[in-house]
Amino acid sequence: MGRVTPLNKTASDDPWIAPDDRAIRERIRAWYSCWPQGHADREAIPLTGSGCIRLLSDFGSDVAISQNLAQYRQLWQPVLEDTFKRWHISIVSAINLRRTQDMAAANFFTELSGITHEDGVMNQTQAVSQIWEKITGGWHLVHEHSTVHNGAL
């Protein structure tokens, strides 16, 4: 079973952060909260718009593109379950956010850590970039790219 470390609440609750910036940061938190129990299908919080989403996962030697959240979960859930008996994903850097009135780009680093089925410890840092679009008044994830990151943060 996995878990997610939430973003620093003081950053999201800062009164100097613009409401749209705060909303996007909360959406990023919602995206990561989908993963601990495999709840990437949480349509009660529509993280994506009515169109398809483009999610690119770079495994270092292979690349996979998912067109929707169900495909994304079908890709990742077996990998996580086959690799780990317990895992944890957390955002380990500041979220760099650039926004216009209706589009936003966020980039940050995450770390996936876990205990393998052989009781080994595995840690992997990923560079993540996300594109969010304001659709009918709400921010929706329209693209994500994550890639294995081996350098310093």
N, C-alpha and C. Protein backbone atom coordinates (compact mmCIF):
# COMPACT_ATOMS: atom_id res chain seq x y z
N MET A 1 0.85 -1.16 0.00
CA MET A 1 0.00 0.00 0.00
C MET A 1 0.90 1.23 0.00
N GLY A 2 0.48 2.27 -0.69
CA GLY A 2 1.28 3.48 -0.77
C GLY A 2 0.67 4.63 -0.01
N ARG A 3 1.45 5.69 0.13
CA ARG A 3 0.95 6.91 0.75
C ARG A 3 1.62 8.11 0.11
N VAL A 4 1.05 9.26 0.32
CA VAL A 4 1.53 10.49 -0.29
C VAL A 4 1.77 11.51 0.81
N THR A 5 2.89 12.19 0.75
CA THR A 5 3.13 13.30 1.65
C THR A 5 2.49 14.55 1.05
N PRO A 6 1.60 15.21 1.79
CA PRO A 6 0.95 16.40 1.23
C PRO A 6 1.92 17.56 1.08
N LEU A 7 1.55 18.50 0.23
CA LEU A 7 2.35 19.70 0.06
C LEU A 7 2.34 20.50 1.36
N ASN A 8 3.31 21.35 1.52
CA ASN A 8 3.40 22.23 2.67
C ASN A 8 2.16 23.13 2.70
N LYS A 9 1.31 22.94 3.69
CA LYS A 9 0.06 23.70 3.75
C LYS A 9 0.31 25.20 3.91
N THR A 10 1.38 25.59 4.58
CA THR A 10 1.61 27.02 4.77
C THR A 10 1.82 27.71 3.43
N ALA A 11 2.43 27.02 2.47
CA ALA A 11 2.61 27.62 1.15
C ALA A 11 1.27 27.81 0.46
N SER A 12 0.38 26.83 0.55
CA SER A 12 -0.92 26.93 -0.10
C SER A 12 -1.83 27.92 0.62
N ASP A 13 -1.63 28.09 1.94
CA ASP A 13 -2.50 28.97 2.71
C ASP A 13 -1.98 30.40 2.79
N ASP A 14 -0.84 30.68 2.20
CA ASP A 14 -0.25 32.01 2.23
C ASP A 14 -1.21 33.01 1.59
N PRO A 15 -1.61 34.09 2.31
CA PRO A 15 -2.57 35.04 1.75
C PRO A 15 -2.01 35.83 0.56
N TRP A 16 -0.70 35.81 0.35
CA TRP A 16 -0.10 36.55 -0.75
C TRP A 16 -0.11 35.76 -2.06
N ILE A 17 -0.49 34.50 -2.00
CA ILE A 17 -0.57 33.69 -3.21
C ILE A 17 -1.90 33.98 -3.90
N ALA A 18 -1.85 34.26 -5.20
CA ALA A 18 -3.07 34.55 -5.97
C ALA A 18 -4.03 33.36 -5.90
N PRO A 19 -5.33 33.63 -5.90
CA PRO A 19 -6.31 32.53 -5.80
C PRO A 19 -6.14 31.45 -6.87
N ASP A 20 -5.84 31.83 -8.12
CA ASP A 20 -5.64 30.82 -9.15
C ASP A 20 -4.39 29.99 -8.88
N ASP A 21 -3.32 30.62 -8.41
CA ASP A 21 -2.11 29.89 -8.07
C ASP A 21 -2.39 28.91 -6.93
N ARG A 22 -3.12 29.37 -5.94
CA ARG A 22 -3.48 28.50 -4.81
C ARG A 22 -4.33 27.33 -5.31
N ALA A 23 -5.28 27.61 -6.20
CA ALA A 23 -6.15 26.56 -6.73
C ALA A 23 -5.35 25.50 -7.47
N ILE A 24 -4.38 25.92 -8.28
CA ILE A 24 -3.57 24.96 -9.02
C ILE A 24 -2.75 24.11 -8.06
N ARG A 25 -2.15 24.74 -7.06
CA ARG A 25 -1.37 23.98 -6.07
C ARG A 25 -2.25 22.95 -5.35
N GLU A 26 -3.48 23.32 -5.06
CA GLU A 26 -4.39 22.37 -4.44
C GLU A 26 -4.76 21.25 -5.40
N ARG A 27 -4.87 21.56 -6.69
CA ARG A 27 -5.16 20.53 -7.69
C ARG A 27 -3.99 19.55 -7.79
N ILE A 28 -2.77 20.07 -7.69
CA ILE A 28 -1.60 19.19 -7.71
C ILE A 28 -1.66 18.26 -6.49
N ARG A 29 -2.02 18.80 -5.34
CA ARG A 29 -2.18 17.98 -4.14
C ARG A 29 -3.25 16.91 -4.37
N ALA A 30 -4.37 17.29 -4.98
CA ALA A 30 -5.44 16.33 -5.25
C ALA A 30 -4.96 15.22 -6.19
N TRP A 31 -4.17 15.60 -7.20
CA TRP A 31 -3.63 14.62 -8.14
C TRP A 31 -2.80 13.57 -7.41
N TYR A 32 -1.92 14.02 -6.51
CA TYR A 32 -1.09 13.07 -5.79
C TYR A 32 -1.87 12.30 -4.73
N SER A 33 -2.94 12.87 -4.21
CA SER A 33 -3.73 12.13 -3.22
C SER A 33 -4.53 11.01 -3.87
N CYS A 34 -4.63 11.01 -5.18
CA CYS A 34 -5.33 9.92 -5.88
C CYS A 34 -4.56 8.61 -5.79
N TRP A 35 -3.28 8.66 -5.55
CA TRP A 35 -2.46 7.46 -5.70
C TRP A 35 -2.39 6.50 -4.53
N PRO A 36 -2.49 6.90 -3.27
CA PRO A 36 -2.20 5.93 -2.21
C PRO A 36 -3.01 4.65 -2.28
N GLN A 37 -4.28 4.73 -2.50
CA GLN A 37 -5.11 3.53 -2.55
C GLN A 37 -5.49 3.19 -3.97
N GLY A 38 -4.80 3.76 -4.95
CA GLY A 38 -5.15 3.51 -6.33
C GLY A 38 -6.41 4.24 -6.75
N HIS A 39 -6.68 5.38 -6.15
CA HIS A 39 -7.90 6.12 -6.45
C HIS A 39 -7.71 7.11 -7.58
N ALA A 40 -6.97 6.76 -8.60
CA ALA A 40 -6.75 7.68 -9.72
C ALA A 40 -8.01 7.88 -10.54
N ASP A 41 -9.09 7.22 -10.17
CA ASP A 41 -10.34 7.38 -10.91
C ASP A 41 -11.31 8.30 -10.17
N ARG A 42 -10.82 9.10 -9.26
CA ARG A 42 -11.68 9.98 -8.46
C ARG A 42 -12.32 11.03 -9.35
N GLU A 43 -13.46 10.72 -9.91
CA GLU A 43 -14.14 11.69 -10.77
C GLU A 43 -14.92 12.71 -9.96
N ALA A 44 -15.04 12.49 -8.64
CA ALA A 44 -15.71 13.49 -7.81
C ALA A 44 -14.89 14.79 -7.82
N ILE A 45 -13.60 14.68 -8.02
CA ILE A 45 -12.74 15.84 -8.20
C ILE A 45 -12.24 15.75 -9.63
N PRO A 46 -12.94 16.38 -10.57
CA PRO A 46 -12.54 16.22 -11.98
C PRO A 46 -11.21 16.93 -12.24
N LEU A 47 -10.15 16.17 -12.18
CA LEU A 47 -8.82 16.74 -12.37
C LEU A 47 -8.52 17.02 -13.83
N THR A 48 -9.26 16.37 -14.70
CA THR A 48 -9.04 16.58 -16.13
C THR A 48 -10.30 17.12 -16.77
N GLY A 49 -10.13 17.76 -17.92
CA GLY A 49 -11.27 18.30 -18.64
C GLY A 49 -12.03 17.20 -19.36
N SER A 50 -12.98 17.60 -20.17
CA SER A 50 -13.81 16.62 -20.86
C SER A 50 -13.04 15.92 -21.98
N GLY A 51 -11.98 16.53 -22.49
CA GLY A 51 -11.17 15.90 -23.52
C GLY A 51 -10.19 14.92 -22.92
N CYS A 52 -9.32 14.40 -23.74
CA CYS A 52 -8.35 13.44 -23.23
C CYS A 52 -7.17 14.17 -22.61
N ILE A 53 -6.43 13.47 -21.82
CA ILE A 53 -5.24 13.99 -21.17
C ILE A 53 -4.03 13.30 -21.79
N ARG A 54 -2.92 13.99 -21.86
CA ARG A 54 -1.69 13.39 -22.39
C ARG A 54 -0.71 13.24 -21.23
N LEU A 55 -0.45 12.01 -20.83
CA LEU A 55 0.45 11.72 -19.73
C LEU A 55 1.62 10.92 -20.26
N LEU A 56 2.80 11.50 -20.21
CA LEU A 56 3.99 10.84 -20.74
C LEU A 56 4.85 10.37 -19.58
N SER A 57 5.12 9.09 -19.52
CA SER A 57 5.95 8.50 -18.48
C SER A 57 7.24 8.00 -19.11
N ASP A 58 8.34 8.55 -18.68
CA ASP A 58 9.65 8.19 -19.21
C ASP A 58 10.34 7.31 -18.19
N PHE A 59 10.50 6.03 -18.51
CA PHE A 59 11.11 5.07 -17.60
C PHE A 59 12.62 5.02 -17.72
N GLY A 60 13.21 5.90 -18.48
CA GLY A 60 14.65 5.90 -18.67
C GLY A 60 15.05 5.17 -19.93
N SER A 61 14.37 4.09 -20.27
CA SER A 61 14.67 3.37 -21.50
C SER A 61 13.42 3.21 -22.36
N ASP A 62 12.25 3.32 -21.75
CA ASP A 62 10.98 3.20 -22.46
C ASP A 62 10.12 4.41 -22.14
N VAL A 63 9.26 4.79 -23.06
CA VAL A 63 8.33 5.89 -22.86
C VAL A 63 6.93 5.37 -23.11
N ALA A 64 5.99 5.76 -22.25
CA ALA A 64 4.59 5.37 -22.43
C ALA A 64 3.74 6.64 -22.41
N ILE A 65 2.76 6.69 -23.29
CA ILE A 65 1.84 7.82 -23.33
C ILE A 65 0.44 7.30 -23.03
N SER A 66 -0.20 7.91 -22.04
CA SER A 66 -1.57 7.54 -21.67
C SER A 66 -2.50 8.66 -22.12
N GLN A 67 -3.68 8.28 -22.60
CA GLN A 67 -4.64 9.25 -23.11
C GLN A 67 -5.68 9.66 -22.07
N ASN A 68 -5.77 8.91 -20.97
CA ASN A 68 -6.74 9.25 -19.92
C ASN A 68 -6.26 8.68 -18.60
N LEU A 69 -6.95 9.04 -17.53
CA LEU A 69 -6.53 8.61 -16.20
C LEU A 69 -6.61 7.10 -16.02
N ALA A 70 -7.59 6.47 -16.63
CA ALA A 70 -7.71 5.01 -16.52
C ALA A 70 -6.50 4.32 -17.14
N GLN A 71 -6.08 4.76 -18.32
CA GLN A 71 -4.88 4.19 -18.95
C GLN A 71 -3.64 4.44 -18.10
N TYR A 72 -3.55 5.63 -17.52
CA TYR A 72 -2.40 5.99 -16.68
C TYR A 72 -2.32 5.07 -15.47
N ARG A 73 -3.46 4.84 -14.84
CA ARG A 73 -3.47 3.96 -13.69
C ARG A 73 -3.17 2.52 -14.11
N GLN A 74 -3.71 2.09 -15.25
CA GLN A 74 -3.42 0.74 -15.73
C GLN A 74 -1.93 0.55 -15.98
N LEU A 75 -1.25 1.62 -16.38
CA LEU A 75 0.19 1.56 -16.61
C LEU A 75 0.95 1.47 -15.28
N TRP A 76 0.62 2.35 -14.34
CA TRP A 76 1.43 2.50 -13.13
C TRP A 76 1.06 1.54 -12.00
N GLN A 77 -0.21 1.24 -11.80
CA GLN A 77 -0.60 0.43 -10.65
C GLN A 77 0.09 -0.93 -10.63
N PRO A 78 0.14 -1.66 -11.75
CA PRO A 78 0.84 -2.95 -11.73
C PRO A 78 2.34 -2.79 -11.45
N VAL A 79 2.95 -1.74 -11.97
CA VAL A 79 4.37 -1.50 -11.72
C VAL A 79 4.60 -1.31 -10.23
N LEU A 80 3.77 -0.49 -9.60
CA LEU A 80 3.90 -0.24 -8.16
C LEU A 80 3.65 -1.51 -7.36
N GLU A 81 2.60 -2.24 -7.70
CA GLU A 81 2.26 -3.46 -6.96
C GLU A 81 3.29 -4.57 -7.16
N ASP A 82 3.84 -4.68 -8.37
CA ASP A 82 4.84 -5.71 -8.63
C ASP A 82 6.18 -5.39 -7.98
N THR A 83 6.46 -4.10 -7.79
CA THR A 83 7.75 -3.68 -7.26
C THR A 83 7.75 -3.57 -5.74
N PHE A 84 6.69 -3.01 -5.18
CA PHE A 84 6.69 -2.65 -3.75
C PHE A 84 5.63 -3.40 -2.96
N LYS A 85 5.97 -3.68 -1.70
CA LYS A 85 4.92 -4.10 -0.78
C LYS A 85 4.41 -2.89 -0.01
N ARG A 86 5.23 -1.85 0.13
CA ARG A 86 4.82 -0.56 0.68
C ARG A 86 5.56 0.52 -0.08
N TRP A 87 4.86 1.62 -0.38
CA TRP A 87 5.52 2.70 -1.10
C TRP A 87 4.96 4.04 -0.66
N HIS A 88 5.69 5.08 -1.01
CA HIS A 88 5.36 6.44 -0.60
C HIS A 88 5.83 7.38 -1.70
N ILE A 89 4.99 8.31 -2.09
CA ILE A 89 5.41 9.31 -3.06
C ILE A 89 5.24 10.69 -2.43
N SER A 90 6.23 11.54 -2.63
CA SER A 90 6.14 12.88 -2.06
C SER A 90 6.76 13.89 -3.01
N ILE A 91 6.27 15.09 -2.93
CA ILE A 91 6.86 16.20 -3.66
C ILE A 91 8.02 16.69 -2.82
N VAL A 92 9.23 16.72 -3.41
CA VAL A 92 10.44 17.00 -2.64
C VAL A 92 11.10 18.32 -3.03
N SER A 93 10.40 19.15 -3.75
CA SER A 93 10.95 20.45 -4.13
C SER A 93 9.83 21.47 -4.11
N ALA A 94 10.20 22.72 -4.28
CA ALA A 94 9.19 23.75 -4.47
C ALA A 94 8.48 23.51 -5.79
N ILE A 95 7.26 23.98 -5.88
CA ILE A 95 6.51 23.90 -7.14
C ILE A 95 6.74 25.21 -7.87
N ASN A 96 7.38 25.12 -9.02
CA ASN A 96 7.60 26.29 -9.87
C ASN A 96 6.37 26.43 -10.75
N LEU A 97 5.65 27.53 -10.61
CA LEU A 97 4.38 27.70 -11.29
C LEU A 97 4.40 28.98 -12.12
N ARG A 98 4.05 28.86 -13.38
CA ARG A 98 3.91 30.00 -14.29
C ARG A 98 2.50 29.94 -14.85
N ARG A 99 1.80 31.09 -14.87
CA ARG A 99 0.38 31.06 -15.23
C ARG A 99 -0.02 32.28 -16.05
N THR A 100 -0.91 32.02 -17.00
CA THR A 100 -1.63 33.09 -17.68
C THR A 100 -3.06 33.04 -17.15
N GLN A 101 -3.98 33.72 -17.81
CA GLN A 101 -5.37 33.70 -17.35
C GLN A 101 -5.98 32.30 -17.43
N ASP A 102 -5.59 31.50 -18.46
CA ASP A 102 -6.26 30.22 -18.65
C ASP A 102 -5.34 29.03 -18.84
N MET A 103 -4.04 29.24 -18.75
CA MET A 103 -3.08 28.12 -18.85
C MET A 103 -2.02 28.28 -17.77
N ALA A 104 -1.51 27.15 -17.29
CA ALA A 104 -0.45 27.19 -16.28
C ALA A 104 0.50 26.03 -16.50
N ALA A 105 1.76 26.27 -16.19
CA ALA A 105 2.78 25.22 -16.24
C ALA A 105 3.39 25.09 -14.85
N ALA A 106 3.46 23.89 -14.36
CA ALA A 106 4.06 23.62 -13.05
C ALA A 106 5.17 22.60 -13.25
N ASN A 107 6.28 22.79 -12.56
CA ASN A 107 7.31 21.76 -12.55
C ASN A 107 7.88 21.64 -11.16
N PHE A 108 8.24 20.41 -10.83
CA PHE A 108 8.70 20.09 -9.48
C PHE A 108 9.32 18.70 -9.53
N PHE A 109 9.87 18.28 -8.41
CA PHE A 109 10.46 16.94 -8.29
C PHE A 109 9.66 16.13 -7.28
N THR A 110 9.52 14.85 -7.57
CA THR A 110 8.90 13.92 -6.63
C THR A 110 9.90 12.81 -6.31
N GLU A 111 9.65 12.14 -5.20
CA GLU A 111 10.45 10.97 -4.88
C GLU A 111 9.52 9.83 -4.55
N LEU A 112 9.73 8.74 -5.24
CA LEU A 112 9.01 7.50 -4.98
C LEU A 112 9.95 6.62 -4.16
N SER A 113 9.52 6.27 -2.97
CA SER A 113 10.33 5.44 -2.07
C SER A 113 9.48 4.26 -1.64
N GLY A 114 10.13 3.15 -1.43
CA GLY A 114 9.36 2.00 -0.98
C GLY A 114 10.21 0.84 -0.53
N ILE A 115 9.53 -0.12 0.04
CA ILE A 115 10.11 -1.39 0.46
C ILE A 115 9.67 -2.42 -0.57
N THR A 116 10.64 -3.05 -1.20
CA THR A 116 10.33 -4.04 -2.23
C THR A 116 9.83 -5.33 -1.58
N HIS A 117 9.35 -6.22 -2.40
CA HIS A 117 8.86 -7.51 -1.90
C HIS A 117 10.00 -8.34 -1.31
N GLU A 118 11.24 -8.01 -1.67
CA GLU A 118 12.42 -8.70 -1.13
C GLU A 118 12.99 -7.95 0.07
N ASP A 119 12.23 -7.00 0.62
CA ASP A 119 12.62 -6.18 1.77
C ASP A 119 13.78 -5.24 1.49
N GLY A 120 14.02 -4.92 0.25
CA GLY A 120 15.01 -3.91 -0.10
C GLY A 120 14.37 -2.54 -0.12
N VAL A 121 15.21 -1.52 -0.04
CA VAL A 121 14.73 -0.14 -0.10
C VAL A 121 15.00 0.39 -1.51
N MET A 122 14.01 1.05 -2.09
CA MET A 122 14.17 1.62 -3.42
C MET A 122 13.69 3.07 -3.39
N ASN A 123 14.51 3.97 -3.92
CA ASN A 123 14.16 5.38 -4.03
C ASN A 123 14.39 5.82 -5.46
N GLN A 124 13.46 6.63 -5.97
CA GLN A 124 13.62 7.14 -7.33
C GLN A 124 13.08 8.56 -7.37
N THR A 125 13.92 9.47 -7.84
CA THR A 125 13.50 10.86 -8.00
C THR A 125 13.01 11.05 -9.43
N GLN A 126 11.92 11.80 -9.57
CA GLN A 126 11.37 12.08 -10.89
C GLN A 126 11.20 13.58 -11.05
N ALA A 127 11.55 14.07 -12.24
CA ALA A 127 11.25 15.44 -12.62
C ALA A 127 9.85 15.41 -13.24
N VAL A 128 8.98 16.28 -12.76
CA VAL A 128 7.59 16.29 -13.22
C VAL A 128 7.27 17.67 -13.79
N SER A 129 6.63 17.70 -14.94
CA SER A 129 6.08 18.95 -15.46
C SER A 129 4.62 18.69 -15.79
N GLN A 130 3.78 19.65 -15.45
CA GLN A 130 2.35 19.53 -15.69
C GLN A 130 1.84 20.80 -16.37
N ILE A 131 0.87 20.63 -17.24
CA ILE A 131 0.17 21.75 -17.87
C ILE A 131 -1.28 21.69 -17.40
N TRP A 132 -1.76 22.81 -16.90
CA TRP A 132 -3.12 22.95 -16.41
C TRP A 132 -3.85 23.97 -17.27
N GLU A 133 -5.13 23.72 -17.55
CA GLU A 133 -5.93 24.65 -18.33
C GLU A 133 -7.19 25.00 -17.54
N LYS A 134 -7.55 26.29 -17.57
CA LYS A 134 -8.77 26.72 -16.90
C LYS A 134 -9.93 26.49 -17.86
N ILE A 135 -10.80 25.54 -17.48
CA ILE A 135 -11.93 25.15 -18.31
C ILE A 135 -13.19 25.37 -17.50
N THR A 136 -14.10 26.15 -18.02
CA THR A 136 -15.35 26.50 -17.34
C THR A 136 -15.14 26.87 -15.88
N GLY A 137 -14.13 27.70 -15.64
CA GLY A 137 -13.89 28.24 -14.31
C GLY A 137 -13.04 27.40 -13.39
N GLY A 138 -12.68 26.18 -13.78
CA GLY A 138 -11.87 25.32 -12.92
C GLY A 138 -10.58 24.90 -13.61
N TRP A 139 -9.55 24.63 -12.84
CA TRP A 139 -8.25 24.22 -13.38
C TRP A 139 -8.21 22.71 -13.57
N HIS A 140 -7.86 22.28 -14.80
CA HIS A 140 -7.83 20.85 -15.13
C HIS A 140 -6.46 20.48 -15.70
N LEU A 141 -5.96 19.34 -15.28
CA LEU A 141 -4.70 18.82 -15.78
C LEU A 141 -4.90 18.34 -17.22
N VAL A 142 -4.10 18.87 -18.15
CA VAL A 142 -4.22 18.46 -19.55
C VAL A 142 -2.98 17.76 -20.07
N HIS A 143 -1.86 17.85 -19.34
CA HIS A 143 -0.64 17.17 -19.76
C HIS A 143 0.28 16.99 -18.57
N GLU A 144 0.90 15.82 -18.51
CA GLU A 144 1.94 15.59 -17.50
C GLU A 144 3.08 14.82 -18.15
N HIS A 145 4.28 15.17 -17.78
CA HIS A 145 5.48 14.45 -18.20
C HIS A 145 6.31 14.22 -16.96
N SER A 146 6.64 12.98 -16.71
CA SER A 146 7.56 12.65 -15.61
C SER A 146 8.70 11.83 -16.19
N THR A 147 9.88 12.07 -15.67
CA THR A 147 11.04 11.34 -16.13
C THR A 147 11.97 11.08 -14.95
N VAL A 148 12.66 9.96 -15.00
CA VAL A 148 13.62 9.62 -13.96
C VAL A 148 14.70 10.70 -13.94
N HIS A 149 15.03 11.17 -12.74
CA HIS A 149 16.02 12.23 -12.57
C HIS A 149 17.16 11.70 -11.72
N ASN A 150 18.36 11.72 -12.28
CA ASN A 150 19.51 11.18 -11.55
C ASN A 150 20.46 12.25 -11.02
N GLY A 151 20.23 13.51 -11.36
CA GLY A 151 21.10 14.59 -10.92
C GLY A 151 20.68 15.17 -9.58
N ALA A 152 21.39 16.21 -9.20
CA ALA A 152 21.06 16.92 -7.96
C ALA A 152 19.78 17.73 -8.17
N LEU A 153 19.06 17.95 -7.09
CA LEU A 153 17.83 18.76 -7.17
C LEU A 153 18.18 20.22 -7.21
